[in-house]
Amino acid sequence: MCFYLGMGLIGRFTCGFVLLTESLAKKDQALGGTASMIGDVVATLYITFFLRYISNDAFTIIWIGFSLNIVAFIMSFWIVESPVWLVSVGRNDEAIKNLKYIAKLNGTKDFELLELRDVTFETIDPEKEKNQVTGS
């Protein structure tokens, strides 16, 4: 049971992290991702410290965690699929729709997108690119 709990928790956090960073403007992705990771570490350290040194009873912190999970569950109904993933599998119309929804949630009023460029998502090897530039 603990295995499935651990896998579920890390899977949920990873999906949330990816959706958060992809939903932010390019210039804010690094800051948003970093804040998310720092928040997770701080929360884990706080809970560990609290349970070890402060509290003899974990009842309060369990109810706080339970309440936050209920809030996260309710808010998950407003999460859209990643536009980057949708484009990578050729579902451009859905990606445009989700981008418009994300822009609306971010408070952008004049966002208009009619089509997406054909882009291949690939990883660039910096060593290979450097060798091509230097001619070696």
Protein backbone atom coordinates (compact mmCIF):
# COMPACT_ATOMS: atom_id res chain seq x y z
CA MET A 1 0.00 0.00 0.00
CA CYS A 2 2.82 2.41 0.83
CA PHE A 3 4.32 1.79 -2.62
CA TYR A 4 1.11 2.90 -4.35
CA LEU A 5 0.75 5.89 -2.04
CA GLY A 6 4.31 6.98 -2.83
CA MET A 7 3.88 6.50 -6.58
CA GLY A 8 0.57 8.38 -6.51
CA LEU A 9 2.04 11.29 -4.59
CA ILE A 10 5.11 11.70 -6.80
CA GLY A 11 3.02 11.25 -9.94
CA ARG A 12 0.55 13.89 -8.83
CA PHE A 13 3.30 16.32 -7.92
CA THR A 14 5.13 15.75 -11.22
CA CYS A 15 1.99 16.26 -13.31
CA GLY A 16 1.15 19.40 -11.34
CA PHE A 17 4.69 20.72 -11.76
CA VAL A 18 4.66 20.15 -15.53
CA LEU A 19 1.21 21.70 -15.97
CA LEU A 20 2.19 24.69 -13.81
CA THR A 21 5.37 25.42 -15.71
CA GLU A 22 3.78 24.94 -19.14
CA SER A 23 0.86 27.19 -18.20
CA LEU A 24 3.12 30.10 -17.30
CA ALA A 25 4.65 32.58 -19.72
CA LYS A 26 8.10 31.48 -20.95
CA LYS A 27 9.84 34.17 -18.87
CA ASP A 28 8.06 33.00 -15.68
CA GLN A 29 8.50 29.23 -16.10
CA ALA A 30 11.82 28.96 -14.29
CA LEU A 31 10.63 31.09 -11.38
CA GLY A 32 7.30 29.25 -11.13
CA GLY A 33 8.97 25.84 -11.26
CA THR A 34 11.55 26.84 -8.70
CA ALA A 35 8.89 28.26 -6.36
CA SER A 36 6.90 25.04 -6.69
CA MET A 37 9.90 22.86 -5.82
CA ILE A 38 10.94 25.10 -2.92
CA GLY A 39 7.38 25.07 -1.59
CA ASP A 40 7.33 21.27 -1.67
CA VAL A 41 10.65 21.03 0.18
CA VAL A 42 9.65 23.62 2.80
CA ALA A 43 6.33 21.85 3.41
CA THR A 44 8.05 18.48 3.79
CA LEU A 45 10.65 19.88 6.17
CA TYR A 46 8.00 21.71 8.20
CA ILE A 47 5.85 18.60 8.56
CA THR A 48 8.86 16.50 9.54
CA PHE A 49 10.08 19.08 12.07
CA PHE A 50 6.56 19.62 13.44
CA LEU A 51 5.86 15.93 13.94
CA ARG A 52 9.28 15.20 15.43
CA TYR A 53 9.85 18.15 17.79
CA ILE A 54 6.64 20.11 18.34
CA SER A 55 3.57 17.93 18.30
CA ASN A 56 2.73 14.82 20.23
CA ASP A 57 -0.45 14.54 18.21
CA ALA A 58 -0.55 14.68 14.40
CA PHE A 59 -4.33 15.21 14.30
CA THR A 60 -4.15 18.90 13.31
CA ILE A 61 -1.61 18.49 10.55
CA ILE A 62 -3.49 15.49 9.14
CA TRP A 63 -6.68 17.55 8.86
CA ILE A 64 -4.80 20.44 7.25
CA GLY A 65 -3.36 18.02 4.67
CA PHE A 66 -6.75 16.42 4.12
CA SER A 67 -8.37 19.83 3.58
CA LEU A 68 -5.68 20.90 1.10
CA ASN A 69 -6.16 17.65 -0.83
CA ILE A 70 -9.90 18.30 -1.05
CA VAL A 71 -9.21 21.82 -2.37
CA ALA A 72 -6.71 20.40 -4.91
CA PHE A 73 -9.25 17.78 -6.01
CA ILE A 74 -11.95 20.41 -6.59
CA MET A 75 -9.54 22.72 -8.45
CA SER A 76 -8.37 19.85 -10.67
CA PHE A 77 -11.64 20.11 -12.60
CA TRP A 78 -10.37 23.40 -14.09
CA ILE A 79 -6.99 22.04 -15.22
CA VAL A 80 -6.56 21.65 -18.97
CA GLU A 81 -4.26 19.31 -20.86
CA SER A 82 -0.81 20.64 -21.66
CA PRO A 83 -0.87 22.64 -24.93
CA VAL A 84 2.73 21.56 -25.61
CA TRP A 85 1.72 17.90 -25.43
CA LEU A 86 -1.40 18.48 -27.53
CA VAL A 87 0.69 20.08 -30.28
CA SER A 88 3.25 17.27 -30.12
CA VAL A 89 0.51 14.72 -30.88
CA GLY A 90 -1.11 16.85 -33.59
CA ARG A 91 -4.17 18.06 -31.68
CA ASN A 92 -3.65 21.74 -32.56
CA ASP A 93 -7.30 22.84 -32.27
CA GLU A 94 -7.48 21.59 -28.68
CA ALA A 95 -4.11 23.23 -27.93
CA ILE A 96 -5.40 26.59 -29.18
CA LYS A 97 -8.57 26.21 -27.10
CA ASN A 98 -6.52 25.38 -23.98
CA LEU A 99 -4.11 28.27 -24.59
CA LYS A 100 -7.06 30.67 -24.78
CA TYR A 101 -8.44 29.24 -21.52
CA ILE A 102 -5.05 29.59 -19.80
CA ALA A 103 -4.74 33.18 -21.07
CA LYS A 104 -8.22 33.94 -19.69
CA LEU A 105 -7.27 32.48 -16.27
CA ASN A 106 -4.08 34.59 -16.31
CA GLY A 107 -6.15 37.74 -16.89
CA THR A 108 -5.14 38.39 -20.50
CA LYS A 109 -8.05 40.06 -22.25
CA ASP A 110 -6.70 40.60 -25.79
CA PHE A 111 -5.25 37.13 -26.47
CA GLU A 112 -6.08 35.82 -29.93
CA LEU A 113 -4.55 32.75 -31.56
CA LEU A 114 -5.85 31.35 -34.81
CA GLU A 115 -3.25 28.73 -35.71
CA LEU A 116 -0.07 27.11 -34.46
CA ARG A 117 3.16 26.78 -36.38
CA ASP A 118 4.32 23.31 -37.28
CA VAL A 119 7.07 22.75 -34.74
CA THR A 120 8.95 19.60 -33.91
CA PHE A 121 9.77 19.27 -30.24
CA GLU A 122 13.26 17.90 -29.88
CA THR A 123 16.17 18.06 -27.51
CA ILE A 124 19.33 19.73 -28.76
CA ASP A 125 22.65 18.21 -27.76
CA PRO A 126 24.89 21.20 -26.88
CA GLU A 127 28.09 19.23 -27.65
CA LYS A 128 26.88 18.25 -31.12
CA GLU A 129 25.77 21.81 -31.83
CA LYS A 130 29.12 23.19 -30.62
CA ASN A 131 31.02 20.75 -32.86
CA GLN A 132 28.92 21.81 -35.88
CA VAL A 133 29.70 25.48 -35.24
CA THR A 134 33.45 24.91 -34.80
CA GLY A 135 33.57 22.49 -37.74
CA SER A 136 35.14 19.60 -35.84
